[in-house]
Amino acid sequence: MAEEWTRVPSYADALAQVLGPGVATPRVAKLADHAEELRVHGRRMFERWLELVPAEPAVHLTTGRLSPPALG
């Protein structure tokens, strides 16, 4: 995905502006080298988020009223 982002001119320009010109290629290579490790951490973070977030929104999206807390 990072390599795809470098093909978006505004993203590539921002990266060069913040980290310096020519940094994209080595950064993308480093991310690729650690892709599986990053994927494992990302999946665990998302799973943990799902565990912590209520199944129903606290505020009803249509009415804007506060939902009662879920009883467990």
PDB file of N, CA and C in Angstrom:
ATOM      1  N   MET A   1       0.821  -1.185   0.000  1.00  0.00           N
ATOM      2  CA  MET A   1       0.000   0.000   0.000  1.00  0.00           C
ATOM      3  C   MET A   1       0.874   1.261   0.000  1.00  0.00           C
ATOM      4  N   ALA A   2       1.961   1.227   0.730  1.00  0.00           N
ATOM      5  CA  ALA A   2       2.842   2.401   0.784  1.00  0.00           C
ATOM      6  C   ALA A   2       3.388   2.727  -0.596  1.00  0.00           C
ATOM      7  N   GLU A   3       3.711   1.702  -1.356  1.00  0.00           N
ATOM      8  CA  GLU A   3       4.221   1.945  -2.710  1.00  0.00           C
ATOM      9  C   GLU A   3       3.162   2.625  -3.575  1.00  0.00           C
ATOM     10  N   GLU A   4       1.910   2.215  -3.410  1.00  0.00           N
ATOM     11  CA  GLU A   4       0.820   2.851  -4.155  1.00  0.00           C
ATOM     12  C   GLU A   4       0.693   4.324  -3.779  1.00  0.00           C
ATOM     13  N   TRP A   5       0.863   4.627  -2.502  1.00  0.00           N
ATOM     14  CA  TRP A   5       0.763   6.015  -2.047  1.00  0.00           C
ATOM     15  C   TRP A   5       1.834   6.884  -2.688  1.00  0.00           C
ATOM     16  N   THR A   6       3.014   6.320  -2.916  1.00  0.00           N
ATOM     17  CA  THR A   6       4.080   7.130  -3.511  1.00  0.00           C
ATOM     18  C   THR A   6       3.774   7.494  -4.962  1.00  0.00           C
ATOM     19  N   ARG A   7       2.806   6.823  -5.561  1.00  0.00           N
ATOM     20  CA  ARG A   7       2.404   7.156  -6.939  1.00  0.00           C
ATOM     21  C   ARG A   7       1.402   8.305  -6.987  1.00  0.00           C
ATOM     22  N   VAL A   8       0.908   8.729  -5.835  1.00  0.00           N
ATOM     23  CA  VAL A   8      -0.003   9.880  -5.763  1.00  0.00           C
ATOM     24  C   VAL A   8       0.881  11.108  -5.598  1.00  0.00           C
ATOM     25  N   PRO A   9       0.897  11.984  -6.598  1.00  0.00           N
ATOM     26  CA  PRO A   9       1.838  13.114  -6.564  1.00  0.00           C
ATOM     27  C   PRO A   9       1.784  13.946  -5.283  1.00  0.00           C
ATOM     28  N   SER A  10       0.608  14.248  -4.797  1.00  0.00           N
ATOM     29  CA  SER A  10       0.536  15.091  -3.592  1.00  0.00           C
ATOM     30  C   SER A  10       1.105  14.357  -2.372  1.00  0.00           C
ATOM     31  N   TYR A  11       0.918  13.033  -2.274  1.00  0.00           N
ATOM     32  CA  TYR A  11       1.494  12.273  -1.169  1.00  0.00           C
ATOM     33  C   TYR A  11       3.013  12.213  -1.297  1.00  0.00           C
ATOM     34  N   ALA A  12       3.489  11.947  -2.495  1.00  0.00           N
ATOM     35  CA  ALA A  12       4.934  11.874  -2.734  1.00  0.00           C
ATOM     36  C   ALA A  12       5.594  13.217  -2.428  1.00  0.00           C
ATOM     37  N   ASP A  13       4.948  14.297  -2.853  1.00  0.00           N
ATOM     38  CA  ASP A  13       5.476  15.638  -2.588  1.00  0.00           C
ATOM     39  C   ASP A  13       5.532  15.924  -1.085  1.00  0.00           C
ATOM     40  N   ALA A  14       4.467  15.543  -0.369  1.00  0.00           N
ATOM     41  CA  ALA A  14       4.425  15.779   1.077  1.00  0.00           C
ATOM     42  C   ALA A  14       5.517  14.980   1.783  1.00  0.00           C
ATOM     43  N   LEU A  15       5.709  13.739   1.370  1.00  0.00           N
ATOM     44  CA  LEU A  15       6.753  12.905   1.960  1.00  0.00           C
ATOM     45  C   LEU A  15       8.132  13.527   1.735  1.00  0.00           C
ATOM     46  N   ALA A  16       8.375  13.990   0.515  1.00  0.00           N
ATOM     47  CA  ALA A  16       9.656  14.620   0.199  1.00  0.00           C
ATOM     48  C   ALA A  16       9.841  15.918   0.984  1.00  0.00           C
ATOM     49  N   GLN A  17       8.764  16.643   1.163  1.00  0.00           N
ATOM     50  CA  GLN A  17       8.855  17.907   1.895  1.00  0.00           C
ATOM     51  C   GLN A  17       9.166  17.666   3.376  1.00  0.00           C
ATOM     52  N   VAL A  18       8.565  16.634   3.944  1.00  0.00           N
ATOM     53  CA  VAL A  18       8.749  16.371   5.372  1.00  0.00           C
ATOM     54  C   VAL A  18      10.059  15.636   5.659  1.00  0.00           C
ATOM     55  N   LEU A  19      10.363  14.610   4.859  1.00  0.00           N
ATOM     56  CA  LEU A  19      11.524  13.769   5.153  1.00  0.00           C
ATOM     57  C   LEU A  19      12.698  13.954   4.204  1.00  0.00           C
ATOM     58  N   GLY A  20      12.505  14.731   3.158  1.00  0.00           N
ATOM     59  CA  GLY A  20      13.575  14.983   2.205  1.00  0.00           C
ATOM     60  C   GLY A  20      13.396  14.215   0.908  1.00  0.00           C
ATOM     61  N   PRO A  21      13.956  14.744  -0.164  1.00  0.00           N
ATOM     62  CA  PRO A  21      13.814  14.091  -1.464  1.00  0.00           C
ATOM     63  C   PRO A  21      14.514  12.733  -1.486  1.00  0.00           C
ATOM     64  N   GLY A  22      13.940  11.803  -2.235  1.00  0.00           N
ATOM     65  CA  GLY A  22      14.534  10.485  -2.410  1.00  0.00           C
ATOM     66  C   GLY A  22      14.314   9.523  -1.257  1.00  0.00           C
ATOM     67  N   VAL A  23      13.513   9.914  -0.272  1.00  0.00           N
ATOM     68  CA  VAL A  23      13.311   9.060   0.895  1.00  0.00           C
ATOM     69  C   VAL A  23      12.262   7.972   0.653  1.00  0.00           C
ATOM     70  N   ALA A  24      11.404   8.162  -0.337  1.00  0.00           N
ATOM     71  CA  ALA A  24      10.291   7.230  -0.550  1.00  0.00           C
ATOM     72  C   ALA A  24      10.767   5.810  -0.832  1.00  0.00           C
ATOM     73  N   THR A  25      11.714   5.633  -1.734  1.00  0.00           N
ATOM     74  CA  THR A  25      12.147   4.287  -2.120  1.00  0.00           C
ATOM     75  C   THR A  25      12.705   3.487  -0.948  1.00  0.00           C
ATOM     76  N   PRO A  26      13.653   4.039  -0.168  1.00  0.00           N
ATOM     77  CA  PRO A  26      14.129   3.254   0.975  1.00  0.00           C
ATOM     78  C   PRO A  26      13.070   3.037   2.054  1.00  0.00           C
ATOM     79  N   ARG A  27      12.169   3.999   2.244  1.00  0.00           N
ATOM     80  CA  ARG A  27      11.103   3.845   3.240  1.00  0.00           C
ATOM     81  C   ARG A  27      10.167   2.717   2.841  1.00  0.00           C
ATOM     82  N   VAL A  28       9.773   2.702   1.567  1.00  0.00           N
ATOM     83  CA  VAL A  28       8.873   1.659   1.083  1.00  0.00           C
ATOM     84  C   VAL A  28       9.553   0.292   1.193  1.00  0.00           C
ATOM     85  N   ALA A  29      10.827   0.219   0.879  1.00  0.00           N
ATOM     86  CA  ALA A  29      11.567  -1.040   0.991  1.00  0.00           C
ATOM     87  C   ALA A  29      11.613  -1.516   2.444  1.00  0.00           C
ATOM     88  N   LYS A  30      11.821  -0.594   3.376  1.00  0.00           N
ATOM     89  CA  LYS A  30      11.876  -0.954   4.793  1.00  0.00           C
ATOM     90  C   LYS A  30      10.503  -1.450   5.265  1.00  0.00           C
ATOM     91  N   LEU A  31       9.451  -0.781   4.831  1.00  0.00           N
ATOM     92  CA  LEU A  31       8.102  -1.233   5.183  1.00  0.00           C
ATOM     93  C   LEU A  31       7.838  -2.627   4.617  1.00  0.00           C
ATOM     94  N   ALA A  32       8.257  -2.862   3.379  1.00  0.00           N
ATOM     95  CA  ALA A  32       8.069  -4.174   2.754  1.00  0.00           C
ATOM     96  C   ALA A  32       8.817  -5.254   3.527  1.00  0.00           C
ATOM     97  N   ASP A  33      10.009  -4.921   4.015  1.00  0.00           N
ATOM     98  CA  ASP A  33      10.792  -5.883   4.791  1.00  0.00           C
ATOM     99  C   ASP A  33      10.084  -6.293   6.081  1.00  0.00           C
ATOM    100  N   HIS A  34       9.263  -5.408   6.619  1.00  0.00           N
ATOM    101  CA  HIS A  34       8.577  -5.650   7.892  1.00  0.00           C
ATOM    102  C   HIS A  34       7.068  -5.820   7.721  1.00  0.00           C
ATOM    103  N   ALA A  35       6.609  -6.097   6.502  1.00  0.00           N
ATOM    104  CA  ALA A  35       5.177  -6.144   6.201  1.00  0.00           C
ATOM    105  C   ALA A  35       4.417  -7.127   7.084  1.00  0.00           C
ATOM    106  N   GLU A  36       4.917  -8.320   7.243  1.00  0.00           N
ATOM    107  CA  GLU A  36       4.189  -9.318   8.033  1.00  0.00           C
ATOM    108  C   GLU A  36       4.092  -8.907   9.498  1.00  0.00           C
ATOM    109  N   GLU A  37       5.170  -8.389  10.037  1.00  0.00           N
ATOM    110  CA  GLU A  37       5.164  -7.918  11.424  1.00  0.00           C
ATOM    111  C   GLU A  37       4.161  -6.775  11.597  1.00  0.00           C
ATOM    112  N   LEU A  38       4.147  -5.849  10.656  1.00  0.00           N
ATOM    113  CA  LEU A  38       3.203  -4.734  10.714  1.00  0.00           C
ATOM    114  C   LEU A  38       1.762  -5.223  10.595  1.00  0.00           C
ATOM    115  N   ARG A  39       1.548  -6.202   9.740  1.00  0.00           N
ATOM    116  CA  ARG A  39       0.206  -6.753   9.543  1.00  0.00           C
ATOM    117  C   ARG A  39      -0.291  -7.409  10.842  1.00  0.00           C
ATOM    118  N   VAL A  40       0.576  -8.164  11.512  1.00  0.00           N
ATOM    119  CA  VAL A  40       0.200  -8.813  12.773  1.00  0.00           C
ATOM    120  C   VAL A  40      -0.179  -7.769  13.823  1.00  0.00           C
ATOM    121  N   HIS A  41       0.652  -6.734  13.957  1.00  0.00           N
ATOM    122  CA  HIS A  41       0.359  -5.680  14.936  1.00  0.00           C
ATOM    123  C   HIS A  41      -0.932  -4.937  14.578  1.00  0.00           C
ATOM    124  N   GLY A  42      -1.097  -4.627  13.303  1.00  0.00           N
ATOM    125  CA  GLY A  42      -2.306  -3.923  12.864  1.00  0.00           C
ATOM    126  C   GLY A  42      -3.555  -4.732  13.115  1.00  0.00           C
ATOM    127  N   ARG A  43      -3.501  -6.028  12.810  1.00  0.00           N
ATOM    128  CA  ARG A  43      -4.655  -6.897  13.049  1.00  0.00           C
ATOM    129  C   ARG A  43      -4.986  -6.950  14.542  1.00  0.00           C
ATOM    130  N   ARG A  44      -3.960  -7.071  15.387  1.00  0.00           N
ATOM    131  CA  ARG A  44      -4.195  -7.134  16.841  1.00  0.00           C
ATOM    132  C   ARG A  44      -4.788  -5.830  17.359  1.00  0.00           C
ATOM    133  N   MET A  45      -4.300  -4.706  16.856  1.00  0.00           N
ATOM    134  CA  MET A  45      -4.857  -3.414  17.277  1.00  0.00           C
ATOM    135  C   MET A  45      -6.325  -3.313  16.895  1.00  0.00           C
ATOM    136  N   PHE A  46      -6.662  -3.730  15.689  1.00  0.00           N
ATOM    137  CA  PHE A  46      -8.049  -3.655  15.234  1.00  0.00           C
ATOM    138  C   PHE A  46      -8.927  -4.607  16.040  1.00  0.00           C
ATOM    139  N   GLU A  47      -8.447  -5.824  16.302  1.00  0.00           N
ATOM    140  CA  GLU A  47      -9.217  -6.770  17.108  1.00  0.00           C
ATOM    141  C   GLU A  47      -9.461  -6.217  18.507  1.00  0.00           C
ATOM    142  N   ARG A  48      -8.441  -5.611  19.082  1.00  0.00           N
ATOM    143  CA  ARG A  48      -8.589  -5.031  20.424  1.00  0.00           C
ATOM    144  C   ARG A  48      -9.581  -3.878  20.409  1.00  0.00           C
ATOM    145  N   TRP A  49      -9.547  -3.073  19.359  1.00  0.00           N
ATOM    146  CA  TRP A  49     -10.494  -1.970  19.223  1.00  0.00           C
ATOM    147  C   TRP A  49     -11.921  -2.515  19.176  1.00  0.00           C
ATOM    148  N   LEU A  50     -12.131  -3.595  18.408  1.00  0.00           N
ATOM    149  CA  LEU A  50     -13.460  -4.196  18.332  1.00  0.00           C
ATOM    150  C   LEU A  50     -13.922  -4.707  19.689  1.00  0.00           C
ATOM    151  N   GLU A  51     -12.995  -5.195  20.502  1.00  0.00           N
ATOM    152  CA  GLU A  51     -13.341  -5.661  21.839  1.00  0.00           C
ATOM    153  C   GLU A  51     -13.776  -4.507  22.743  1.00  0.00           C
ATOM    154  N   LEU A  52     -13.198  -3.336  22.540  1.00  0.00           N
ATOM    155  CA  LEU A  52     -13.440  -2.207  23.426  1.00  0.00           C
ATOM    156  C   LEU A  52     -14.608  -1.322  23.015  1.00  0.00           C
ATOM    157  N   VAL A  53     -14.942  -1.304  21.748  1.00  0.00           N
ATOM    158  CA  VAL A  53     -15.997  -0.416  21.245  1.00  0.00           C
ATOM    159  C   VAL A  53     -17.347  -1.090  21.441  1.00  0.00           C
ATOM    160  N   PRO A  54     -18.327  -0.353  21.952  1.00  0.00           N
ATOM    161  CA  PRO A  54     -19.659  -0.943  22.126  1.00  0.00           C
ATOM    162  C   PRO A  54     -20.222  -1.408  20.781  1.00  0.00           C
ATOM    163  N   ALA A  55     -21.030  -2.451  20.829  1.00  0.00           N
ATOM    164  CA  ALA A  55     -21.633  -2.990  19.604  1.00  0.00           C
ATOM    165  C   ALA A  55     -22.587  -1.994  18.971  1.00  0.00           C
ATOM    166  N   GLU A  56     -23.191  -1.149  19.793  1.00  0.00           N
ATOM    167  CA  GLU A  56     -24.124  -0.140  19.284  1.00  0.00           C
ATOM    168  C   GLU A  56     -23.555   1.239  19.593  1.00  0.00           C
ATOM    169  N   PRO A  57     -23.788   2.202  18.692  1.00  0.00           N
ATOM    170  CA  PRO A  57     -23.271   3.554  18.968  1.00  0.00           C
ATOM    171  C   PRO A  57     -23.945   4.156  20.195  1.00  0.00           C
ATOM    172  N   ALA A  58     -23.213   4.961  20.942  1.00  0.00           N
ATOM    173  CA  ALA A  58     -23.756   5.621  22.125  1.00  0.00           C
ATOM    174  C   ALA A  58     -24.808   6.656  21.741  1.00  0.00           C
ATOM    175  N   VAL A  59     -24.662   7.223  20.544  1.00  0.00           N
ATOM    176  CA  VAL A  59     -25.620   8.213  20.055  1.00  0.00           C
ATOM    177  C   VAL A  59     -26.253   7.658  18.796  1.00  0.00           C
ATOM    178  N   HIS A  60     -27.571   7.638  18.779  1.00  0.00           N
ATOM    179  CA  HIS A  60     -28.284   7.136  17.603  1.00  0.00           C
ATOM    180  C   HIS A  60     -27.970   8.047  16.423  1.00  0.00           C
ATOM    181  N   LEU A  61     -27.561   7.450  15.314  1.00  0.00           N
ATOM    182  CA  LEU A  61     -27.096   8.241  14.175  1.00  0.00           C
ATOM    183  C   LEU A  61     -28.205   9.039  13.504  1.00  0.00           C
ATOM    184  N   THR A  62     -29.456   8.610  13.615  1.00  0.00           N
ATOM    185  CA  THR A  62     -30.554   9.320  12.972  1.00  0.00           C
ATOM    186  C   THR A  62     -31.157  10.373  13.880  1.00  0.00           C
ATOM    187  N   THR A  63     -31.478   9.977  15.121  1.00  0.00           N
ATOM    188  CA  THR A  63     -32.167  10.908  16.029  1.00  0.00           C
ATOM    189  C   THR A  63     -31.213  11.788  16.815  1.00  0.00           C
ATOM    190  N   GLY A  64     -29.974  11.335  16.983  1.00  0.00           N
ATOM    191  CA  GLY A  64     -29.025  12.096  17.783  1.00  0.00           C
ATOM    192  C   GLY A  64     -29.214  11.894  19.273  1.00  0.00           C
ATOM    193  N   ARG A  65     -30.168  11.041  19.662  1.00  0.00           N
ATOM    194  CA  ARG A  65     -30.423  10.800  21.091  1.00  0.00           C
ATOM    195  C   ARG A  65     -29.402   9.813  21.637  1.00  0.00           C
ATOM    196  N   LEU A  66     -29.114   9.967  22.902  1.00  0.00           N
ATOM    197  CA  LEU A  66     -28.185   9.084  23.584  1.00  0.00           C
ATOM    198  C   LEU A  66     -28.838   7.732  23.814  1.00  0.00           C
ATOM    199  N   SER A  67     -28.150   6.669  23.446  1.00  0.00           N
ATOM    200  CA  SER A  67     -28.650   5.310  23.680  1.00  0.00           C
ATOM    201  C   SER A  67     -28.347   4.911  25.119  1.00  0.00           C
ATOM    202  N   PRO A  68     -29.221   4.083  25.721  1.00  0.00           N
ATOM    203  CA  PRO A  68     -28.896   3.610  27.078  1.00  0.00           C
ATOM    204  C   PRO A  68     -27.714   2.666  27.030  1.00  0.00           C
ATOM    205  N   PRO A  69     -26.926   2.597  28.089  1.00  0.00           N
ATOM    206  CA  PRO A  69     -25.780   1.685  28.084  1.00  0.00           C
ATOM    207  C   PRO A  69     -26.258   0.243  27.972  1.00  0.00           C
ATOM    208  N   ALA A  70     -25.471  -0.567  27.278  1.00  0.00           N
ATOM    209  CA  ALA A  70     -25.814  -1.976  27.120  1.00  0.00           C
ATOM    210  C   ALA A  70     -25.632  -2.702  28.440  1.00  0.00           C
ATOM    211  N   LEU A  71     -26.547  -3.580  28.725  1.00  0.00           N
ATOM    212  CA  LEU A  71     -26.441  -4.382  29.936  1.00  0.00           C
ATOM    213  C   LEU A  71     -25.792  -5.706  29.566  1.00  0.00           C
ATOM    214  N   GLY A  72     -24.768  -6.086  30.286  1.00  0.00           N
ATOM    215  CA  GLY A  72     -24.067  -7.294  29.943  1.00  0.00           C
ATOM    216  C   GLY A  72     -24.208  -8.277  30.988  1.00  0.00           C
TER     217      GLY A  72
END
